[in-house]
Amino acid sequence: MRKYEIMYIIRPTVLEEDRKNLIAELNNIFTSRNCEIVKVDEWGMKDLAYEIDKHRKGYYVVLDVVASDEARNEFDRVVKIKEDTIRHLILRDVR
């Protein structure tokens, strides 16, 4: 198991209830595989540095997790499929 810092951006047009369900669904990818979510930090709606899919804003979420490669790969696969996420980044934490 390795530590990861994961950031993803949700489309600004997603309703609040749907956004909460999406965050819970993505967190469940880790918890269902016996991985530890150390911290969930919702930054909220922020301006994007550049336009992505015709959006100038996005809802930022940052996760600190201790996860297996299998869980990380599944998260990556699911986020790529979900149309409500417009960008994501997974960094291995070497601290």
PDB file of N, CA and C in Angstrom:
ATOM      1  N   MET A   1       0.845  -1.179   0.000  1.00  0.00           N
ATOM      2  CA  MET A   1       0.000   0.000   0.000  1.00  0.00           C
ATOM      3  C   MET A   1       0.892   1.245   0.000  1.00  0.00           C
ATOM      4  N   ARG A   2       0.500   2.197  -0.819  1.00  0.00           N
ATOM      5  CA  ARG A   2       1.248   3.445  -0.939  1.00  0.00           C
ATOM      6  C   ARG A   2       0.341   4.630  -0.648  1.00  0.00           C
ATOM      7  N   LYS A   3       0.972   5.743  -0.311  1.00  0.00           N
ATOM      8  CA  LYS A   3       0.229   6.982  -0.086  1.00  0.00           C
ATOM      9  C   LYS A   3       0.079   7.717  -1.417  1.00  0.00           C
ATOM     10  N   TYR A   4      -1.112   8.251  -1.645  1.00  0.00           N
ATOM     11  CA  TYR A   4      -1.385   9.020  -2.852  1.00  0.00           C
ATOM     12  C   TYR A   4      -2.119  10.299  -2.482  1.00  0.00           C
ATOM     13  N   GLU A   5      -1.853  11.329  -3.260  1.00  0.00           N
ATOM     14  CA  GLU A   5      -2.655  12.542  -3.199  1.00  0.00           C
ATOM     15  C   GLU A   5      -3.389  12.625  -4.532  1.00  0.00           C
ATOM     16  N   ILE A   6      -4.699  12.702  -4.464  1.00  0.00           N
ATOM     17  CA  ILE A   6      -5.532  12.679  -5.661  1.00  0.00           C
ATOM     18  C   ILE A   6      -6.355  13.957  -5.705  1.00  0.00           C
ATOM     19  N   MET A   7      -6.346  14.613  -6.854  1.00  0.00           N
ATOM     20  CA  MET A   7      -7.150  15.808  -7.049  1.00  0.00           C
ATOM     21  C   MET A   7      -8.025  15.567  -8.272  1.00  0.00           C
ATOM     22  N   TYR A   8      -9.295  15.897  -8.151  1.00  0.00           N
ATOM     23  CA  TYR A   8     -10.160  15.836  -9.323  1.00  0.00           C
ATOM     24  C   TYR A   8     -11.103  17.027  -9.328  1.00  0.00           C
ATOM     25  N   ILE A   9     -11.558  17.362 -10.527  1.00  0.00           N
ATOM     26  CA  ILE A   9     -12.420  18.522 -10.719  1.00  0.00           C
ATOM     27  C   ILE A   9     -13.752  18.038 -11.286  1.00  0.00           C
ATOM     28  N   ILE A  10     -14.825  18.476 -10.644  1.00  0.00           N
ATOM     29  CA  ILE A  10     -16.175  18.115 -11.064  1.00  0.00           C
ATOM     30  C   ILE A  10     -16.770  19.289 -11.840  1.00  0.00           C
ATOM     31  N   ARG A  11     -17.529  18.978 -12.886  1.00  0.00           N
ATOM     32  CA  ARG A  11     -18.178  20.016 -13.699  1.00  0.00           C
ATOM     33  C   ARG A  11     -18.988  20.970 -12.819  1.00  0.00           C
ATOM     34  N   PRO A  12     -18.974  22.247 -13.124  1.00  0.00           N
ATOM     35  CA  PRO A  12     -19.719  23.214 -12.301  1.00  0.00           C
ATOM     36  C   PRO A  12     -21.232  23.085 -12.450  1.00  0.00           C
ATOM     37  N   THR A  13     -21.694  22.415 -13.492  1.00  0.00           N
ATOM     38  CA  THR A  13     -23.131  22.297 -13.748  1.00  0.00           C
ATOM     39  C   THR A  13     -23.787  21.161 -12.968  1.00  0.00           C
ATOM     40  N   VAL A  14     -23.000  20.352 -12.268  1.00  0.00           N
ATOM     41  CA  VAL A  14     -23.542  19.228 -11.506  1.00  0.00           C
ATOM     42  C   VAL A  14     -24.253  19.766 -10.261  1.00  0.00           C
ATOM     43  N   LEU A  15     -25.465  19.273 -10.016  1.00  0.00           N
ATOM     44  CA  LEU A  15     -26.232  19.704  -8.846  1.00  0.00           C
ATOM     45  C   LEU A  15     -25.555  19.244  -7.567  1.00  0.00           C
ATOM     46  N   GLU A  16     -25.812  19.952  -6.461  1.00  0.00           N
ATOM     47  CA  GLU A  16     -25.134  19.672  -5.189  1.00  0.00           C
ATOM     48  C   GLU A  16     -25.352  18.235  -4.716  1.00  0.00           C
ATOM     49  N   GLU A  17     -26.575  17.738  -4.798  1.00  0.00           N
ATOM     50  CA  GLU A  17     -26.856  16.371  -4.347  1.00  0.00           C
ATOM     51  C   GLU A  17     -26.132  15.345  -5.219  1.00  0.00           C
ATOM     52  N   ASP A  18     -26.133  15.568  -6.532  1.00  0.00           N
ATOM     53  CA  ASP A  18     -25.425  14.665  -7.439  1.00  0.00           C
ATOM     54  C   ASP A  18     -23.921  14.718  -7.194  1.00  0.00           C
ATOM     55  N   ARG A  19     -23.414  15.909  -6.871  1.00  0.00           N
ATOM     56  CA  ARG A  19     -21.987  16.068  -6.586  1.00  0.00           C
ATOM     57  C   ARG A  19     -21.604  15.287  -5.334  1.00  0.00           C
ATOM     58  N   LYS A  20     -22.439  15.374  -4.293  1.00  0.00           N
ATOM     59  CA  LYS A  20     -22.165  14.624  -3.064  1.00  0.00           C
ATOM     60  C   LYS A  20     -22.198  13.124  -3.318  1.00  0.00           C
ATOM     61  N   ASN A  21     -23.147  12.675  -4.138  1.00  0.00           N
ATOM     62  CA  ASN A  21     -23.226  11.253  -4.484  1.00  0.00           C
ATOM     63  C   ASN A  21     -22.000  10.802  -5.273  1.00  0.00           C
ATOM     64  N   LEU A  22     -21.523  11.646  -6.185  1.00  0.00           N
ATOM     65  CA  LEU A  22     -20.334  11.319  -6.970  1.00  0.00           C
ATOM     66  C   LEU A  22     -19.105  11.215  -6.074  1.00  0.00           C
ATOM     67  N   ILE A  23     -18.942  12.155  -5.152  1.00  0.00           N
ATOM     68  CA  ILE A  23     -17.804  12.126  -4.228  1.00  0.00           C
ATOM     69  C   ILE A  23     -17.860  10.869  -3.374  1.00  0.00           C
ATOM     70  N   ALA A  24     -19.045  10.524  -2.876  1.00  0.00           N
ATOM     71  CA  ALA A  24     -19.201   9.309  -2.065  1.00  0.00           C
ATOM     72  C   ALA A  24     -18.903   8.063  -2.888  1.00  0.00           C
ATOM     73  N   GLU A  25     -19.350   8.038  -4.139  1.00  0.00           N
ATOM     74  CA  GLU A  25     -19.098   6.889  -5.014  1.00  0.00           C
ATOM     75  C   GLU A  25     -17.601   6.712  -5.280  1.00  0.00           C
ATOM     76  N   LEU A  26     -16.909   7.816  -5.532  1.00  0.00           N
ATOM     77  CA  LEU A  26     -15.473   7.730  -5.789  1.00  0.00           C
ATOM     78  C   LEU A  26     -14.707   7.352  -4.521  1.00  0.00           C
ATOM     79  N   ASN A  27     -15.138   7.849  -3.361  1.00  0.00           N
ATOM     80  CA  ASN A  27     -14.505   7.453  -2.098  1.00  0.00           C
ATOM     81  C   ASN A  27     -14.727   5.975  -1.816  1.00  0.00           C
ATOM     82  N   ASN A  28     -15.885   5.464  -2.206  1.00  0.00           N
ATOM     83  CA  ASN A  28     -16.225   4.060  -1.977  1.00  0.00           C
ATOM     84  C   ASN A  28     -15.295   3.113  -2.739  1.00  0.00           C
ATOM     85  N   ILE A  29     -14.714   3.576  -3.822  1.00  0.00           N
ATOM     86  CA  ILE A  29     -13.752   2.745  -4.561  1.00  0.00           C
ATOM     87  C   ILE A  29     -12.613   2.338  -3.633  1.00  0.00           C
ATOM     88  N   PHE A  30     -12.173   3.250  -2.789  1.00  0.00           N
ATOM     89  CA  PHE A  30     -11.075   2.953  -1.867  1.00  0.00           C
ATOM     90  C   PHE A  30     -11.550   2.190  -0.639  1.00  0.00           C
ATOM     91  N   THR A  31     -12.648   2.625  -0.043  1.00  0.00           N
ATOM     92  CA  THR A  31     -13.099   1.984   1.198  1.00  0.00           C
ATOM     93  C   THR A  31     -13.551   0.546   0.965  1.00  0.00           C
ATOM     94  N   SER A  32     -14.104   0.255  -0.200  1.00  0.00           N
ATOM     95  CA  SER A  32     -14.551  -1.111  -0.483  1.00  0.00           C
ATOM     96  C   SER A  32     -13.382  -2.060  -0.729  1.00  0.00           C
ATOM     97  N   ARG A  33     -12.198  -1.516  -0.936  1.00  0.00           N
ATOM     98  CA  ARG A  33     -11.003  -2.341  -1.170  1.00  0.00           C
ATOM     99  C   ARG A  33     -10.049  -2.281   0.024  1.00  0.00           C
ATOM    100  N   ASN A  34     -10.579  -1.992   1.205  1.00  0.00           N
ATOM    101  CA  ASN A  34      -9.814  -1.955   2.458  1.00  0.00           C
ATOM    102  C   ASN A  34      -8.653  -0.967   2.414  1.00  0.00           C
ATOM    103  N   CYS A  35      -8.845   0.144   1.737  1.00  0.00           N
ATOM    104  CA  CYS A  35      -7.846   1.206   1.701  1.00  0.00           C
ATOM    105  C   CYS A  35      -8.288   2.308   2.662  1.00  0.00           C
ATOM    106  N   GLU A  36      -7.332   3.104   3.099  1.00  0.00           N
ATOM    107  CA  GLU A  36      -7.620   4.147   4.079  1.00  0.00           C
ATOM    108  C   GLU A  36      -7.678   5.515   3.401  1.00  0.00           C
ATOM    109  N   ILE A  37      -8.782   6.207   3.604  1.00  0.00           N
ATOM    110  CA  ILE A  37      -8.887   7.596   3.162  1.00  0.00           C
ATOM    111  C   ILE A  37      -8.466   8.451   4.349  1.00  0.00           C
ATOM    112  N   VAL A  38      -7.294   9.057   4.250  1.00  0.00           N
ATOM    113  CA  VAL A  38      -6.743   9.854   5.341  1.00  0.00           C
ATOM    114  C   VAL A  38      -7.483  11.178   5.464  1.00  0.00           C
ATOM    115  N   LYS A  39      -7.754  11.818   4.318  1.00  0.00           N
ATOM    116  CA  LYS A  39      -8.385  13.139   4.348  1.00  0.00           C
ATOM    117  C   LYS A  39      -9.133  13.387   3.047  1.00  0.00           C
ATOM    118  N   VAL A  40     -10.301  13.975   3.160  1.00  0.00           N
ATOM    119  CA  VAL A  40     -11.063  14.455   2.006  1.00  0.00           C
ATOM    120  C   VAL A  40     -11.190  15.961   2.177  1.00  0.00           C
ATOM    121  N   ASP A  41     -10.647  16.696   1.238  1.00  0.00           N
ATOM    122  CA  ASP A  41     -10.649  18.155   1.320  1.00  0.00           C
ATOM    123  C   ASP A  41     -11.390  18.710   0.103  1.00  0.00           C
ATOM    124  N   GLU A  42     -12.579  19.246   0.333  1.00  0.00           N
ATOM    125  CA  GLU A  42     -13.354  19.844  -0.753  1.00  0.00           C
ATOM    126  C   GLU A  42     -13.028  21.332  -0.814  1.00  0.00           C
ATOM    127  N   TRP A  43     -12.340  21.731  -1.871  1.00  0.00           N
ATOM    128  CA  TRP A  43     -11.954  23.132  -2.032  1.00  0.00           C
ATOM    129  C   TRP A  43     -13.117  23.978  -2.517  1.00  0.00           C
ATOM    130  N   GLY A  44     -14.098  23.348  -3.124  1.00  0.00           N
ATOM    131  CA  GLY A  44     -15.260  24.076  -3.617  1.00  0.00           C
ATOM    132  C   GLY A  44     -15.071  24.576  -5.037  1.00  0.00           C
ATOM    133  N   MET A  45     -15.944  25.496  -5.433  1.00  0.00           N
ATOM    134  CA  MET A  45     -15.941  26.030  -6.787  1.00  0.00           C
ATOM    135  C   MET A  45     -14.800  27.034  -6.947  1.00  0.00           C
ATOM    136  N   LYS A  46     -13.946  26.783  -7.921  1.00  0.00           N
ATOM    137  CA  LYS A  46     -12.795  27.655  -8.196  1.00  0.00           C
ATOM    138  C   LYS A  46     -12.729  27.944  -9.691  1.00  0.00           C
ATOM    139  N   ASP A  47     -12.097  29.051 -10.031  1.00  0.00           N
ATOM    140  CA  ASP A  47     -11.828  29.366 -11.430  1.00  0.00           C
ATOM    141  C   ASP A  47     -10.734  28.441 -11.940  1.00  0.00           C
ATOM    142  N   LEU A  48     -10.888  27.974 -13.170  1.00  0.00           N
ATOM    143  CA  LEU A  48      -9.860  27.151 -13.801  1.00  0.00           C
ATOM    144  C   LEU A  48      -8.799  28.061 -14.418  1.00  0.00           C
ATOM    145  N   ALA A  49      -7.582  27.575 -14.498  1.00  0.00           N
ATOM    146  CA  ALA A  49      -6.502  28.353 -15.105  1.00  0.00           C
ATOM    147  C   ALA A  49      -6.746  28.536 -16.605  1.00  0.00           C
ATOM    148  N   TYR A  50      -7.408  27.565 -17.211  1.00  0.00           N
ATOM    149  CA  TYR A  50      -7.762  27.632 -18.621  1.00  0.00           C
ATOM    150  C   TYR A  50      -9.061  26.863 -18.818  1.00  0.00           C
ATOM    151  N   GLU A  51      -9.730  27.124 -19.901  1.00  0.00           N
ATOM    152  CA  GLU A  51     -11.023  26.508 -20.177  1.00  0.00           C
ATOM    153  C   GLU A  51     -10.862  25.010 -20.443  1.00  0.00           C
ATOM    154  N   ILE A  52     -11.709  24.203 -19.800  1.00  0.00           N
ATOM    155  CA  ILE A  52     -11.725  22.757 -20.016  1.00  0.00           C
ATOM    156  C   ILE A  52     -13.145  22.377 -20.397  1.00  0.00           C
ATOM    157  N   ASP A  53     -13.319  21.764 -21.555  1.00  0.00           N
ATOM    158  CA  ASP A  53     -14.648  21.356 -22.034  1.00  0.00           C
ATOM    159  C   ASP A  53     -15.663  22.496 -21.939  1.00  0.00           C
ATOM    160  N   LYS A  54     -15.251  23.687 -22.323  1.00  0.00           N
ATOM    161  CA  LYS A  54     -16.088  24.890 -22.330  1.00  0.00           C
ATOM    162  C   LYS A  54     -16.520  25.345 -20.934  1.00  0.00           C
ATOM    163  N   HIS A  55     -15.793  24.927 -19.904  1.00  0.00           N
ATOM    164  CA  HIS A  55     -16.071  25.361 -18.536  1.00  0.00           C
ATOM    165  C   HIS A  55     -14.928  26.241 -18.046  1.00  0.00           C
ATOM    166  N   ARG A  56     -15.264  27.297 -17.341  1.00  0.00           N
ATOM    167  CA  ARG A  56     -14.263  28.197 -16.764  1.00  0.00           C
ATOM    168  C   ARG A  56     -14.148  28.032 -15.253  1.00  0.00           C
ATOM    169  N   LYS A  57     -15.045  27.243 -14.668  1.00  0.00           N
ATOM    170  CA  LYS A  57     -15.021  26.958 -13.236  1.00  0.00           C
ATOM    171  C   LYS A  57     -15.132  25.456 -13.034  1.00  0.00           C
ATOM    172  N   GLY A  58     -14.755  25.012 -11.836  1.00  0.00           N
ATOM    173  CA  GLY A  58     -14.886  23.605 -11.490  1.00  0.00           C
ATOM    174  C   GLY A  58     -14.895  23.435  -9.987  1.00  0.00           C
ATOM    175  N   TYR A  59     -15.458  22.320  -9.519  1.00  0.00           N
ATOM    176  CA  TYR A  59     -15.524  22.013  -8.092  1.00  0.00           C
ATOM    177  C   TYR A  59     -14.358  21.078  -7.776  1.00  0.00           C
ATOM    178  N   TYR A  60     -13.419  21.556  -6.971  1.00  0.00           N
ATOM    179  CA  TYR A  60     -12.190  20.824  -6.678  1.00  0.00           C
ATOM    180  C   TYR A  60     -12.353  19.932  -5.444  1.00  0.00           C
ATOM    181  N   VAL A  61     -11.842  18.699  -5.546  1.00  0.00           N
ATOM    182  CA  VAL A  61     -11.809  17.766  -4.421  1.00  0.00           C
ATOM    183  C   VAL A  61     -10.407  17.170  -4.358  1.00  0.00           C
ATOM    184  N   VAL A  62      -9.816  17.140  -3.152  1.00  0.00           N
ATOM    185  CA  VAL A  62      -8.481  16.570  -2.948  1.00  0.00           C
ATOM    186  C   VAL A  62      -8.588  15.455  -1.915  1.00  0.00           C
ATOM    187  N   LEU A  63      -8.020  14.296  -2.243  1.00  0.00           N
ATOM    188  CA  LEU A  63      -8.012  13.141  -1.345  1.00  0.00           C
ATOM    189  C   LEU A  63      -6.583  12.789  -0.979  1.00  0.00           C
ATOM    190  N   ASP A  64      -6.362  12.440   0.279  1.00  0.00           N
ATOM    191  CA  ASP A  64      -5.124  11.796   0.705  1.00  0.00           C
ATOM    192  C   ASP A  64      -5.516  10.377   1.076  1.00  0.00           C
ATOM    193  N   VAL A  65      -4.934   9.392   0.385  1.00  0.00           N
ATOM    194  CA  VAL A  65      -5.313   8.000   0.616  1.00  0.00           C
ATOM    195  C   VAL A  65      -4.079   7.122   0.753  1.00  0.00           C
ATOM    196  N   VAL A  66      -4.256   6.024   1.466  1.00  0.00           N
ATOM    197  CA  VAL A  66      -3.276   4.937   1.489  1.00  0.00           C
ATOM    198  C   VAL A  66      -3.973   3.800   0.761  1.00  0.00           C
ATOM    199  N   ALA A  67      -3.497   3.485  -0.442  1.00  0.00           N
ATOM    200  CA  ALA A  67      -4.243   2.580  -1.309  1.00  0.00           C
ATOM    201  C   ALA A  67      -3.335   1.594  -2.025  1.00  0.00           C
ATOM    202  N   SER A  68      -3.953   0.521  -2.464  1.00  0.00           N
ATOM    203  CA  SER A  68      -3.259  -0.482  -3.267  1.00  0.00           C
ATOM    204  C   SER A  68      -3.222  -0.011  -4.720  1.00  0.00           C
ATOM    205  N   ASP A  69      -2.362  -0.637  -5.507  1.00  0.00           N
ATOM    206  CA  ASP A  69      -2.293  -0.305  -6.930  1.00  0.00           C
ATOM    207  C   ASP A  69      -3.614  -0.621  -7.620  1.00  0.00           C
ATOM    208  N   GLU A  70      -4.246  -1.705  -7.191  1.00  0.00           N
ATOM    209  CA  GLU A  70      -5.516  -2.119  -7.793  1.00  0.00           C
ATOM    210  C   GLU A  70      -6.593  -1.055  -7.566  1.00  0.00           C
ATOM    211  N   ALA A  71      -6.674  -0.518  -6.348  1.00  0.00           N
ATOM    212  CA  ALA A  71      -7.664   0.518  -6.038  1.00  0.00           C
ATOM    213  C   ALA A  71      -7.362   1.804  -6.808  1.00  0.00           C
ATOM    214  N   ARG A  72      -6.097   2.159  -6.888  1.00  0.00           N
ATOM    215  CA  ARG A  72      -5.717   3.368  -7.627  1.00  0.00           C
ATOM    216  C   ARG A  72      -6.065   3.228  -9.107  1.00  0.00           C
ATOM    217  N   ASN A  73      -5.776   2.069  -9.681  1.00  0.00           N
ATOM    218  CA  ASN A  73      -6.089   1.833 -11.091  1.00  0.00           C
ATOM    219  C   ASN A  73      -7.594   1.854 -11.343  1.00  0.00           C
ATOM    220  N   GLU A  74      -8.369   1.296 -10.414  1.00  0.00           N
ATOM    221  CA  GLU A  74      -9.828   1.304 -10.552  1.00  0.00           C
ATOM    222  C   GLU A  74     -10.364   2.732 -10.466  1.00  0.00           C
ATOM    223  N   PHE A  75      -9.833   3.536  -9.546  1.00  0.00           N
ATOM    224  CA  PHE A  75     -10.235   4.943  -9.439  1.00  0.00           C
ATOM    225  C   PHE A  75      -9.946   5.666 -10.754  1.00  0.00           C
ATOM    226  N   ASP A  76      -8.758   5.464 -11.290  1.00  0.00           N
ATOM    227  CA  ASP A  76      -8.357   6.098 -12.544  1.00  0.00           C
ATOM    228  C   ASP A  76      -9.310   5.701 -13.674  1.00  0.00           C
ATOM    229  N   ARG A  77      -9.655   4.428 -13.745  1.00  0.00           N
ATOM    230  CA  ARG A  77     -10.553   3.921 -14.787  1.00  0.00           C
ATOM    231  C   ARG A  77     -11.945   4.548 -14.658  1.00  0.00           C
ATOM    232  N   VAL A  78     -12.479   4.565 -13.442  1.00  0.00           N
ATOM    233  CA  VAL A  78     -13.832   5.081 -13.218  1.00  0.00           C
ATOM    234  C   VAL A  78     -13.904   6.582 -13.495  1.00  0.00           C
ATOM    235  N   VAL A  79     -12.907   7.334 -13.044  1.00  0.00           N
ATOM    236  CA  VAL A  79     -12.919   8.787 -13.253  1.00  0.00           C
ATOM    237  C   VAL A  79     -12.856   9.119 -14.742  1.00  0.00           C
ATOM    238  N   LYS A  80     -12.127   8.329 -15.514  1.00  0.00           N
ATOM    239  CA  LYS A  80     -12.057   8.567 -16.955  1.00  0.00           C
ATOM    240  C   LYS A  80     -13.405   8.318 -17.629  1.00  0.00           C
ATOM    241  N   ILE A  81     -14.194   7.400 -17.081  1.00  0.00           N
ATOM    242  CA  ILE A  81     -15.505   7.074 -17.650  1.00  0.00           C
ATOM    243  C   ILE A  81     -16.554   8.115 -17.270  1.00  0.00           C
ATOM    244  N   LYS A  82     -16.494   8.602 -16.037  1.00  0.00           N
ATOM    245  CA  LYS A  82     -17.494   9.550 -15.531  1.00  0.00           C
ATOM    246  C   LYS A  82     -17.448  10.850 -16.325  1.00  0.00           C
ATOM    247  N   GLU A  83     -18.590  11.281 -16.819  1.00  0.00           N
ATOM    248  CA  GLU A  83     -18.653  12.523 -17.584  1.00  0.00           C
ATOM    249  C   GLU A  83     -18.670  13.757 -16.690  1.00  0.00           C
ATOM    250  N   ASP A  84     -18.971  13.560 -15.402  1.00  0.00           N
ATOM    251  CA  ASP A  84     -19.051  14.699 -14.486  1.00  0.00           C
ATOM    252  C   ASP A  84     -17.692  15.154 -13.974  1.00  0.00           C
ATOM    253  N   THR A  85     -16.644  14.365 -14.173  1.00  0.00           N
ATOM    254  CA  THR A  85     -15.293  14.796 -13.797  1.00  0.00           C
ATOM    255  C   THR A  85     -14.591  15.288 -15.059  1.00  0.00           C
ATOM    256  N   ILE A  86     -14.046  16.490 -14.980  1.00  0.00           N
ATOM    257  CA  ILE A  86     -13.429  17.061 -16.180  1.00  0.00           C
ATOM    258  C   ILE A  86     -11.903  16.953 -16.164  1.00  0.00           C
ATOM    259  N   ARG A  87     -11.322  16.677 -14.992  1.00  0.00           N
ATOM    260  CA  ARG A  87      -9.866  16.506 -14.923  1.00  0.00           C
ATOM    261  C   ARG A  87      -9.528  15.814 -13.617  1.00  0.00           C
ATOM    262  N   HIS A  88      -8.458  15.007 -13.626  1.00  0.00           N
ATOM    263  CA  HIS A  88      -7.986  14.399 -12.381  1.00  0.00           C
ATOM    264  C   HIS A  88      -6.479  14.204 -12.443  1.00  0.00           C
ATOM    265  N   LEU A  89      -5.884  14.090 -11.266  1.00  0.00           N
ATOM    266  CA  LEU A  89      -4.443  13.913 -11.146  1.00  0.00           C
ATOM    267  C   LEU A  89      -4.175  13.028  -9.939  1.00  0.00           C
ATOM    268  N   ILE A  90      -3.329  12.010 -10.127  1.00  0.00           N
ATOM    269  CA  ILE A  90      -2.956  11.106  -9.041  1.00  0.00           C
ATOM    270  C   ILE A  90      -1.448  11.212  -8.853  1.00  0.00           C
ATOM    271  N   LEU A  91      -1.029  11.602  -7.650  1.00  0.00           N
ATOM    272  CA  LEU A  91       0.393  11.734  -7.335  1.00  0.00           C
ATOM    273  C   LEU A  91       0.754  10.786  -6.205  1.00  0.00           C
ATOM    274  N   ARG A  92       1.862  10.073  -6.353  1.00  0.00           N
ATOM    275  CA  ARG A  92       2.345   9.233  -5.264  1.00  0.00           C
ATOM    276  C   ARG A  92       3.044  10.127  -4.255  1.00  0.00           C
ATOM    277  N   ASP A  93       2.667  10.000  -3.005  1.00  0.00           N
ATOM    278  CA  ASP A  93       3.224  10.821  -1.929  1.00  0.00           C
ATOM    279  C   ASP A  93       4.477  10.131  -1.399  1.00  0.00           C
ATOM    280  N   VAL A  94       5.620  10.787  -1.504  1.00  0.00           N
ATOM    281  CA  VAL A  94       6.882  10.183  -1.062  1.00  0.00           C
ATOM    282  C   VAL A  94       7.340  10.739   0.281  1.00  0.00           C
ATOM    283  N   ARG A  95       6.490  11.522   0.943  1.00  0.00           N
ATOM    284  CA  ARG A  95       6.847  12.082   2.251  1.00  0.00           C
ATOM    285  C   ARG A  95       6.987  11.005   3.279  1.00  0.00           C
TER     286      ARG A  95
END
